[in-house]
PDB file of N, CA and C in Angstrom:
ATOM      1  N   MET A   1       0.847  -1.165   0.000  1.00  0.00           N
ATOM      2  CA  MET A   1       0.000   0.000   0.000  1.00  0.00           C
ATOM      3  C   MET A   1       0.898   1.235   0.000  1.00  0.00           C
ATOM      4  N   ILE A   2       0.573   2.183  -0.814  1.00  0.00           N
ATOM      5  CA  ILE A   2       1.314   3.438  -0.876  1.00  0.00           C
ATOM      6  C   ILE A   2       0.738   4.375   0.178  1.00  0.00           C
ATOM      7  N   ARG A   3       1.608   4.987   0.950  1.00  0.00           N
ATOM      8  CA  ARG A   3       1.128   5.918   1.987  1.00  0.00           C
ATOM      9  C   ARG A   3       2.134   7.038   2.180  1.00  0.00           C
ATOM     10  N   PRO A   4       1.696   8.112   2.796  1.00  0.00           N
ATOM     11  CA  PRO A   4       2.624   9.223   3.054  1.00  0.00           C
ATOM     12  C   PRO A   4       3.802   8.773   3.917  1.00  0.00           C
ATOM     13  N   PHE A   5       4.920   9.452   3.752  1.00  0.00           N
ATOM     14  CA  PHE A   5       6.146   9.103   4.457  1.00  0.00           C
ATOM     15  C   PHE A   5       5.922   8.977   5.959  1.00  0.00           C
ATOM     16  N   GLU A   6       5.185   9.893   6.550  1.00  0.00           N
ATOM     17  CA  GLU A   6       4.987   9.881   7.995  1.00  0.00           C
ATOM     18  C   GLU A   6       4.130   8.708   8.476  1.00  0.00           C
ATOM     19  N   LYS A   7       3.476   7.999   7.545  1.00  0.00           N
ATOM     20  CA  LYS A   7       2.662   6.840   7.909  1.00  0.00           C
ATOM     21  C   LYS A   7       3.253   5.537   7.383  1.00  0.00           C
ATOM     22  N   LYS A   8       4.539   5.539   7.040  1.00  0.00           N
ATOM     23  CA  LYS A   8       5.156   4.393   6.388  1.00  0.00           C
ATOM     24  C   LYS A   8       5.172   3.136   7.252  1.00  0.00           C
ATOM     25  N   LEU A   9       5.086   3.263   8.564  1.00  0.00           N
ATOM     26  CA  LEU A   9       5.124   2.096   9.440  1.00  0.00           C
ATOM     27  C   LEU A   9       3.752   1.685   9.962  1.00  0.00           C
ATOM     28  N   ASP A  10       2.693   2.238   9.417  1.00  0.00           N
ATOM     29  CA  ASP A  10       1.346   1.894   9.875  1.00  0.00           C
ATOM     30  C   ASP A  10       1.043   0.409   9.713  1.00  0.00           C
ATOM     31  N   HIS A  11       1.647  -0.247   8.721  1.00  0.00           N
ATOM     32  CA  HIS A  11       1.402  -1.676   8.512  1.00  0.00           C
ATOM     33  C   HIS A  11       1.840  -2.513   9.718  1.00  0.00           C
ATOM     34  N   ALA A  12       2.795  -2.033  10.494  1.00  0.00           N
ATOM     35  CA  ALA A  12       3.266  -2.775  11.661  1.00  0.00           C
ATOM     36  C   ALA A  12       2.219  -2.777  12.774  1.00  0.00           C
ATOM     37  N   ARG A  13       1.359  -1.766  12.792  1.00  0.00           N
ATOM     38  CA  ARG A  13       0.305  -1.666  13.802  1.00  0.00           C
ATOM     39  C   ARG A  13      -1.018  -2.266  13.334  1.00  0.00           C
ATOM     40  N   ASP A  14      -1.206  -2.361  12.022  1.00  0.00           N
ATOM     41  CA  ASP A  14      -2.472  -2.836  11.465  1.00  0.00           C
ATOM     42  C   ASP A  14      -2.168  -3.796  10.319  1.00  0.00           C
ATOM     43  N   ASN A  15      -2.318  -5.100  10.553  1.00  0.00           N
ATOM     44  CA  ASN A  15      -1.931  -6.077   9.541  1.00  0.00           C
ATOM     45  C   ASN A  15      -2.874  -6.140   8.346  1.00  0.00           C
ATOM     46  N   THR A  16      -3.913  -5.329   8.310  1.00  0.00           N
ATOM     47  CA  THR A  16      -4.790  -5.277   7.135  1.00  0.00           C
ATOM     48  C   THR A  16      -4.270  -4.295   6.091  1.00  0.00           C
ATOM     49  N   LEU A  17      -3.176  -3.606   6.372  1.00  0.00           N
ATOM     50  CA  LEU A  17      -2.656  -2.583   5.465  1.00  0.00           C
ATOM     51  C   LEU A  17      -1.610  -3.108   4.489  1.00  0.00           C
ATOM     52  N   GLY A  18      -1.377  -4.384   4.451  1.00  0.00           N
ATOM     53  CA  GLY A  18      -0.380  -4.941   3.550  1.00  0.00           C
ATOM     54  C   GLY A  18      -0.876  -4.957   2.111  1.00  0.00           C
ATOM     55  N   THR A  19       0.018  -5.290   1.201  1.00  0.00           N
ATOM     56  CA  THR A  19      -0.301  -5.382  -0.223  1.00  0.00           C
ATOM     57  C   THR A  19       0.046  -6.783  -0.706  1.00  0.00           C
ATOM     58  N   GLU A  20      -0.878  -7.381  -1.457  1.00  0.00           N
ATOM     59  CA  GLU A  20      -0.647  -8.694  -2.029  1.00  0.00           C
ATOM     60  C   GLU A  20      -0.951  -8.653  -3.513  1.00  0.00           C
ATOM     61  N   SER A  21      -0.358  -9.574  -4.240  1.00  0.00           N
ATOM     62  CA  SER A  21      -0.522  -9.634  -5.682  1.00  0.00           C
ATOM     63  C   SER A  21      -1.498 -10.733  -6.083  1.00  0.00           C
ATOM     64  N   ASP A  22      -2.262 -10.477  -7.122  1.00  0.00           N
ATOM     65  CA  ASP A  22      -3.110 -11.504  -7.726  1.00  0.00           C
ATOM     66  C   ASP A  22      -2.334 -12.292  -8.779  1.00  0.00           C
ATOM     67  N   TYR A  23      -1.085 -11.934  -9.020  1.00  0.00           N
ATOM     68  CA  TYR A  23      -0.266 -12.541 -10.070  1.00  0.00           C
ATOM     69  C   TYR A  23       0.862 -13.405  -9.519  1.00  0.00           C
ATOM     70  N   GLY A  24       0.744 -13.884  -8.319  1.00  0.00           N
ATOM     71  CA  GLY A  24       1.813 -14.693  -7.740  1.00  0.00           C
ATOM     72  C   GLY A  24       2.876 -13.810  -7.127  1.00  0.00           C
ATOM     73  N   PRO A  25       4.156 -14.086  -7.433  1.00  0.00           N
ATOM     74  CA  PRO A  25       5.226 -13.337  -6.780  1.00  0.00           C
ATOM     75  C   PRO A  25       5.448 -11.928  -7.331  1.00  0.00           C
ATOM     76  N   GLU A  26       4.789 -11.583  -8.430  1.00  0.00           N
ATOM     77  CA  GLU A  26       4.981 -10.269  -9.043  1.00  0.00           C
ATOM     78  C   GLU A  26       3.855  -9.320  -8.629  1.00  0.00           C
ATOM     79  N   LEU A  27       4.187  -8.063  -8.440  1.00  0.00           N
ATOM     80  CA  LEU A  27       3.212  -7.039  -8.087  1.00  0.00           C
ATOM     81  C   LEU A  27       3.502  -5.794  -8.910  1.00  0.00           C
ATOM     82  N   VAL A  28       2.499  -5.244  -9.551  1.00  0.00           N
ATOM     83  CA  VAL A  28       2.647  -4.008 -10.321  1.00  0.00           C
ATOM     84  C   VAL A  28       1.841  -2.930  -9.617  1.00  0.00           C
ATOM     85  N   VAL A  29       2.501  -1.830  -9.296  1.00  0.00           N
ATOM     86  CA  VAL A  29       1.844  -0.694  -8.645  1.00  0.00           C
ATOM     87  C   VAL A  29       1.965   0.490  -9.578  1.00  0.00           C
ATOM     88  N   PHE A  30       0.849   1.089  -9.917  1.00  0.00           N
ATOM     89  CA  PHE A  30       0.809   2.256 -10.812  1.00  0.00           C
ATOM     90  C   PHE A  30       0.492   3.475  -9.967  1.00  0.00           C
ATOM     91  N   ILE A  31       1.356   4.482 -10.032  1.00  0.00           N
ATOM     92  CA  ILE A  31       1.165   5.710  -9.257  1.00  0.00           C
ATOM     93  C   ILE A  31       1.069   6.874 -10.234  1.00  0.00           C
ATOM     94  N   PRO A  32      -0.157   7.287 -10.578  1.00  0.00           N
ATOM     95  CA  PRO A  32      -0.297   8.424 -11.497  1.00  0.00           C
ATOM     96  C   PRO A  32      -0.141   9.742 -10.739  1.00  0.00           C
ATOM     97  N   PHE A  33       0.686  10.607 -11.258  1.00  0.00           N
ATOM     98  CA  PHE A  33       0.861  11.928 -10.667  1.00  0.00           C
ATOM     99  C   PHE A  33       0.072  12.935 -11.492  1.00  0.00           C
ATOM    100  N   LYS A  34      -0.519  13.897 -10.839  1.00  0.00           N
ATOM    101  CA  LYS A  34      -1.353  14.888 -11.526  1.00  0.00           C
ATOM    102  C   LYS A  34      -0.545  16.063 -12.050  1.00  0.00           C
ATOM    103  N   GLY A  35       0.709  16.119 -11.701  1.00  0.00           N
ATOM    104  CA  GLY A  35       1.582  17.184 -12.175  1.00  0.00           C
ATOM    105  C   GLY A  35       2.996  16.639 -12.290  1.00  0.00           C
ATOM    106  N   GLU A  36       3.916  17.488 -12.685  1.00  0.00           N
ATOM    107  CA  GLU A  36       5.303  17.073 -12.810  1.00  0.00           C
ATOM    108  C   GLU A  36       5.906  16.913 -11.418  1.00  0.00           C
ATOM    109  N   VAL A  37       6.546  15.774 -11.182  1.00  0.00           N
ATOM    110  CA  VAL A  37       7.180  15.507  -9.893  1.00  0.00           C
ATOM    111  C   VAL A  37       8.595  15.009 -10.116  1.00  0.00           C
ATOM    112  N   ARG A  38       9.378  15.074  -9.079  1.00  0.00           N
ATOM    113  CA  ARG A  38      10.721  14.515  -9.102  1.00  0.00           C
ATOM    114  C   ARG A  38      10.853  13.622  -7.876  1.00  0.00           C
ATOM    115  N   VAL A  39      10.881  12.331  -8.111  1.00  0.00           N
ATOM    116  CA  VAL A  39      11.008  11.364  -7.032  1.00  0.00           C
ATOM    117  C   VAL A  39      12.494  11.191  -6.733  1.00  0.00           C
ATOM    118  N   LYS A  40      12.886  11.457  -5.506  1.00  0.00           N
ATOM    119  CA  LYS A  40      14.293  11.380  -5.132  1.00  0.00           C
ATOM    120  C   LYS A  40      14.665  10.042  -4.529  1.00  0.00           C
ATOM    121  N   SER A  41      13.721   9.420  -3.808  1.00  0.00           N
ATOM    122  CA  SER A  41      14.003   8.132  -3.194  1.00  0.00           C
ATOM    123  C   SER A  41      12.701   7.400  -2.914  1.00  0.00           C
ATOM    124  N   ILE A  42      12.830   6.091  -2.668  1.00  0.00           N
ATOM    125  CA  ILE A  42      11.685   5.295  -2.264  1.00  0.00           C
ATOM    126  C   ILE A  42      12.071   4.482  -1.039  1.00  0.00           C
ATOM    127  N   CYS A  43      11.067   4.101  -0.284  1.00  0.00           N
ATOM    128  CA  CYS A  43      11.255   3.270   0.894  1.00  0.00           C
ATOM    129  C   CYS A  43      10.246   2.133   0.795  1.00  0.00           C
ATOM    130  N   VAL A  44      10.718   0.902   0.832  1.00  0.00           N
ATOM    131  CA  VAL A  44       9.851  -0.273   0.768  1.00  0.00           C
ATOM    132  C   VAL A  44      10.007  -1.019   2.081  1.00  0.00           C
ATOM    133  N   CYS A  45       8.916  -1.098   2.839  1.00  0.00           N
ATOM    134  CA  CYS A  45       8.936  -1.782   4.130  1.00  0.00           C
ATOM    135  C   CYS A  45       8.324  -3.163   3.994  1.00  0.00           C
ATOM    136  N   GLY A  46       8.974  -4.160   4.572  1.00  0.00           N
ATOM    137  CA  GLY A  46       8.449  -5.518   4.560  1.00  0.00           C
ATOM    138  C   GLY A  46       7.561  -5.763   5.757  1.00  0.00           C
ATOM    139  N   ALA A  47       6.835  -6.854   5.705  1.00  0.00           N
ATOM    140  CA  ALA A  47       5.938  -7.229   6.794  1.00  0.00           C
ATOM    141  C   ALA A  47       6.734  -7.857   7.936  1.00  0.00           C
ATOM    142  N   PRO A  48       6.198  -7.773   9.149  1.00  0.00           N
ATOM    143  CA  PRO A  48       6.896  -8.345  10.305  1.00  0.00           C
ATOM    144  C   PRO A  48       7.115  -9.852  10.215  1.00  0.00           C
ATOM    145  N   ASP A  49       6.346 -10.554   9.387  1.00  0.00           N
ATOM    146  CA  ASP A  49       6.476 -12.008   9.281  1.00  0.00           C
ATOM    147  C   ASP A  49       7.538 -12.425   8.273  1.00  0.00           C
ATOM    148  N   GLY A  50       8.360 -11.480   7.821  1.00  0.00           N
ATOM    149  CA  GLY A  50       9.428 -11.798   6.888  1.00  0.00           C
ATOM    150  C   GLY A  50       9.028 -11.748   5.425  1.00  0.00           C
ATOM    151  N   MET A  51       7.776 -11.411   5.143  1.00  0.00           N
ATOM    152  CA  MET A  51       7.313 -11.302   3.761  1.00  0.00           C
ATOM    153  C   MET A  51       7.705  -9.926   3.237  1.00  0.00           C
ATOM    154  N   ALA A  52       8.677  -9.903   2.354  1.00  0.00           N
ATOM    155  CA  ALA A  52       9.156  -8.637   1.818  1.00  0.00           C
ATOM    156  C   ALA A  52       9.691  -8.865   0.405  1.00  0.00           C
ATOM    157  N   PRO A  53       9.553  -7.876  -0.452  1.00  0.00           N
ATOM    158  CA  PRO A  53      10.117  -8.014  -1.799  1.00  0.00           C
ATOM    159  C   PRO A  53      11.638  -7.939  -1.754  1.00  0.00           C
ATOM    160  N   SER A  54      12.268  -8.567  -2.732  1.00  0.00           N
ATOM    161  CA  SER A  54      13.728  -8.535  -2.800  1.00  0.00           C
ATOM    162  C   SER A  54      14.219  -7.598  -3.893  1.00  0.00           C
ATOM    163  N   LYS A  55      13.311  -7.166  -4.771  1.00  0.00           N
ATOM    164  CA  LYS A  55      13.705  -6.342  -5.900  1.00  0.00           C
ATOM    165  C   LYS A  55      12.527  -5.462  -6.310  1.00  0.00           C
ATOM    166  N   VAL A  56      12.838  -4.268  -6.810  1.00  0.00           N
ATOM    167  CA  VAL A  56      11.813  -3.389  -7.375  1.00  0.00           C
ATOM    168  C   VAL A  56      12.321  -2.893  -8.728  1.00  0.00           C
ATOM    169  N   LYS A  57      11.429  -2.877  -9.708  1.00  0.00           N
ATOM    170  CA  LYS A  57      11.755  -2.354 -11.031  1.00  0.00           C
ATOM    171  C   LYS A  57      10.944  -1.086 -11.238  1.00  0.00           C
ATOM    172  N   LEU A  58      11.621  -0.037 -11.652  1.00  0.00           N
ATOM    173  CA  LEU A  58      10.963   1.256 -11.832  1.00  0.00           C
ATOM    174  C   LEU A  58      10.805   1.586 -13.309  1.00  0.00           C
ATOM    175  N   TYR A  59       9.628   2.051 -13.659  1.00  0.00           N
ATOM    176  CA  TYR A  59       9.312   2.496 -15.017  1.00  0.00           C
ATOM    177  C   TYR A  59       8.776   3.914 -14.894  1.00  0.00           C
ATOM    178  N   LYS A  60       8.936   4.699 -15.953  1.00  0.00           N
ATOM    179  CA  LYS A  60       8.368   6.050 -15.884  1.00  0.00           C
ATOM    180  C   LYS A  60       7.727   6.411 -17.214  1.00  0.00           C
ATOM    181  N   ASN A  61       6.769   7.305 -17.120  1.00  0.00           N
ATOM    182  CA  ASN A  61       6.049   7.823 -18.284  1.00  0.00           C
ATOM    183  C   ASN A  61       5.387   6.716 -19.098  1.00  0.00           C
ATOM    184  N   GLU A  62       4.813   5.746 -18.431  1.00  0.00           N
ATOM    185  CA  GLU A  62       4.077   4.665 -19.078  1.00  0.00           C
ATOM    186  C   GLU A  62       2.586   4.939 -18.933  1.00  0.00           C
ATOM    187  N   GLU A  63       1.853   4.842 -20.024  1.00  0.00           N
ATOM    188  CA  GLU A  63       0.416   5.108 -19.979  1.00  0.00           C
ATOM    189  C   GLU A  63      -0.399   3.841 -19.766  1.00  0.00           C
ATOM    190  N   THR A  64       0.096   2.704 -20.250  1.00  0.00           N
ATOM    191  CA  THR A  64      -0.612   1.443 -20.089  1.00  0.00           C
ATOM    192  C   THR A  64       0.190   0.567 -19.150  1.00  0.00           C
ATOM    193  N   ILE A  65      -0.393   0.268 -18.009  1.00  0.00           N
ATOM    194  CA  ILE A  65       0.319  -0.506 -17.002  1.00  0.00           C
ATOM    195  C   ILE A  65      -0.494  -1.750 -16.655  1.00  0.00           C
ATOM    196  N   ASP A  66       0.123  -2.907 -16.811  1.00  0.00           N
ATOM    197  CA  ASP A  66      -0.421  -4.166 -16.335  1.00  0.00           C
ATOM    198  C   ASP A  66       0.748  -5.120 -16.129  1.00  0.00           C
ATOM    199  N   ILE A  67       0.468  -6.339 -15.792  1.00  0.00           N
ATOM    200  CA  ILE A  67       1.532  -7.297 -15.489  1.00  0.00           C
ATOM    201  C   ILE A  67       2.434  -7.552 -16.690  1.00  0.00           C
ATOM    202  N   ASN A  68       1.965  -7.302 -17.906  1.00  0.00           N
ATOM    203  CA  ASN A  68       2.772  -7.527 -19.108  1.00  0.00           C
ATOM    204  C   ASN A  68       3.956  -6.574 -19.223  1.00  0.00           C
ATOM    205  N   ILE A  69       3.918  -5.464 -18.484  1.00  0.00           N
ATOM    206  CA  ILE A  69       5.033  -4.508 -18.558  1.00  0.00           C
ATOM    207  C   ILE A  69       6.340  -5.181 -18.147  1.00  0.00           C
ATOM    208  N   LEU A  70       6.262  -6.187 -17.292  1.00  0.00           N
ATOM    209  CA  LEU A  70       7.455  -6.876 -16.824  1.00  0.00           C
ATOM    210  C   LEU A  70       8.195  -7.589 -17.949  1.00  0.00           C
ATOM    211  N   GLU A  71       7.453  -8.012 -18.962  1.00  0.00           N
ATOM    212  CA  GLU A  71       8.070  -8.722 -20.079  1.00  0.00           C
ATOM    213  C   GLU A  71       8.301  -7.822 -21.289  1.00  0.00           C
ATOM    214  N   GLU A  72       7.488  -6.784 -21.431  1.00  0.00           N
ATOM    215  CA  GLU A  72       7.504  -5.984 -22.655  1.00  0.00           C
ATOM    216  C   GLU A  72       8.378  -4.733 -22.587  1.00  0.00           C
ATOM    217  N   LYS A  73       8.612  -4.198 -21.432  1.00  0.00           N
ATOM    218  CA  LYS A  73       9.351  -2.935 -21.299  1.00  0.00           C
ATOM    219  C   LYS A  73      10.602  -3.123 -20.457  1.00  0.00           C
ATOM    220  N   LYS A  74      11.581  -2.301 -20.730  1.00  0.00           N
ATOM    221  CA  LYS A  74      12.804  -2.306 -19.937  1.00  0.00           C
ATOM    222  C   LYS A  74      12.649  -1.267 -18.817  1.00  0.00           C
ATOM    223  N   PRO A  75      12.903  -1.647 -17.572  1.00  0.00           N
ATOM    224  CA  PRO A  75      12.796  -0.668 -16.488  1.00  0.00           C
ATOM    225  C   PRO A  75      13.903   0.375 -16.577  1.00  0.00           C
ATOM    226  N   VAL A  76      13.635   1.572 -16.060  1.00  0.00           N
ATOM    227  CA  VAL A  76      14.669   2.604 -16.032  1.00  0.00           C
ATOM    228  C   VAL A  76      15.638   2.383 -14.876  1.00  0.00           C
ATOM    229  N   GLN A  77      15.192   1.601 -13.882  1.00  0.00           N
ATOM    230  CA  GLN A  77      16.069   1.305 -12.751  1.00  0.00           C
ATOM    231  C   GLN A  77      15.582   0.027 -12.072  1.00  0.00           C
ATOM    232  N   ILE A  78      16.518  -0.792 -11.636  1.00  0.00           N
ATOM    233  CA  ILE A  78      16.228  -1.973 -10.840  1.00  0.00           C
ATOM    234  C   ILE A  78      16.963  -1.806  -9.520  1.00  0.00           C
ATOM    235  N   ILE A  79      16.243  -1.976  -8.425  1.00  0.00           N
ATOM    236  CA  ILE A  79      16.837  -1.813  -7.100  1.00  0.00           C
ATOM    237  C   ILE A  79      16.726  -3.129  -6.342  1.00  0.00           C
ATOM    238  N   ASP A  80      17.856  -3.658  -5.876  1.00  0.00           N
ATOM    239  CA  ASP A  80      17.854  -4.822  -4.997  1.00  0.00           C
ATOM    240  C   ASP A  80      17.586  -4.328  -3.579  1.00  0.00           C
ATOM    241  N   LEU A  81      16.587  -4.897  -2.953  1.00  0.00           N
ATOM    242  CA  LEU A  81      16.143  -4.429  -1.649  1.00  0.00           C
ATOM    243  C   LEU A  81      16.689  -5.284  -0.514  1.00  0.00           C
ATOM    244  N   ALA A  82      16.999  -4.632   0.575  1.00  0.00           N
ATOM    245  CA  ALA A  82      17.354  -5.328   1.813  1.00  0.00           C
ATOM    246  C   ALA A  82      16.085  -5.431   2.662  1.00  0.00           C
ATOM    247  N   GLU A  83      16.073  -6.361   3.605  1.00  0.00           N
ATOM    248  CA  GLU A  83      14.925  -6.429   4.515  1.00  0.00           C
ATOM    249  C   GLU A  83      14.849  -5.107   5.278  1.00  0.00           C
ATOM    250  N   ASN A  84      13.677  -4.524   5.324  1.00  0.00           N
ATOM    251  CA  ASN A  84      13.523  -3.175   5.872  1.00  0.00           C
ATOM    252  C   ASN A  84      12.242  -3.109   6.696  1.00  0.00           C
ATOM    253  N   LEU A  85      12.253  -3.694   7.875  1.00  0.00           N
ATOM    254  CA  LEU A  85      11.055  -3.708   8.711  1.00  0.00           C
ATOM    255  C   LEU A  85      10.784  -2.366   9.384  1.00  0.00           C
ATOM    256  N   THR A  86      11.817  -1.583   9.613  1.00  0.00           N
ATOM    257  CA  THR A  86      11.664  -0.332  10.354  1.00  0.00           C
ATOM    258  C   THR A  86      11.537   0.891   9.457  1.00  0.00           C
ATOM    259  N   GLY A  87      11.676   0.722   8.159  1.00  0.00           N
ATOM    260  CA  GLY A  87      11.552   1.849   7.248  1.00  0.00           C
ATOM    261  C   GLY A  87      12.734   2.796   7.264  1.00  0.00           C
ATOM    262  N   GLU A  88      13.867   2.335   7.756  1.00  0.00           N
ATOM    263  CA  GLU A  88      15.050   3.193   7.841  1.00  0.00           C
ATOM    264  C   GLU A  88      15.834   3.257   6.545  1.00  0.00           C
ATOM    265  N   VAL A  89      15.648   2.265   5.663  1.00  0.00           N
ATOM    266  CA  VAL A  89      16.424   2.211   4.418  1.00  0.00           C
ATOM    267  C   VAL A  89      15.648   2.912   3.292  1.00  0.00           C
ATOM    268  N   GLU A  90      16.281   3.892   2.704  1.00  0.00           N
ATOM    269  CA  GLU A  90      15.706   4.568   1.526  1.00  0.00           C
ATOM    270  C   GLU A  90      16.654   4.342   0.370  1.00  0.00           C
ATOM    271  N   TYR A  91      16.065   4.192  -0.818  1.00  0.00           N
ATOM    272  CA  TYR A  91      16.844   3.941  -2.023  1.00  0.00           C
ATOM    273  C   TYR A  91      16.747   5.133  -2.944  1.00  0.00           C
ATOM    274  N   PRO A  92      17.877   5.695  -3.356  1.00  0.00           N
ATOM    275  CA  PRO A  92      17.834   6.811  -4.294  1.00  0.00           C
ATOM    276  C   PRO A  92      17.291   6.373  -5.654  1.00  0.00           C
ATOM    277  N   VAL A  93      16.543   7.247  -6.275  1.00  0.00           N
ATOM    278  CA  VAL A  93      15.998   6.989  -7.601  1.00  0.00           C
ATOM    279  C   VAL A  93      16.814   7.780  -8.604  1.00  0.00           C
ATOM    280  N   SER A  94      17.323   7.084  -9.624  1.00  0.00           N
ATOM    281  CA  SER A  94      18.107   7.778 -10.659  1.00  0.00           C
ATOM    282  C   SER A  94      17.195   8.664 -11.481  1.00  0.00           C
ATOM    283  N   GLN A  95      17.742   9.746 -11.966  1.00  0.00           N
ATOM    284  CA  GLN A  95      16.928  10.715 -12.723  1.00  0.00           C
ATOM    285  C   GLN A  95      17.169  10.614 -14.193  1.00  0.00           C
TER     286      GLN A  95
END
């Protein structure tokens, strides 16, 4: 679930706030912005039970987003993730 930075650890207090995929181990999250933005970093927090992603692929300026993007498009950045239960690890996003 995408949430504001100050609420990034809410999933630790409420286990209904997690995100699961209907496609097995892959999850596609589409975040449409209403204006021009510059994303400097991302933070991916895993669940307390050890369920956490190991990798994130970033795409930008895509109008059609579905699970096929994983096979059809090249990501602009791939980030290998460490286990991050406390939300202390942030990953810089290349521009």
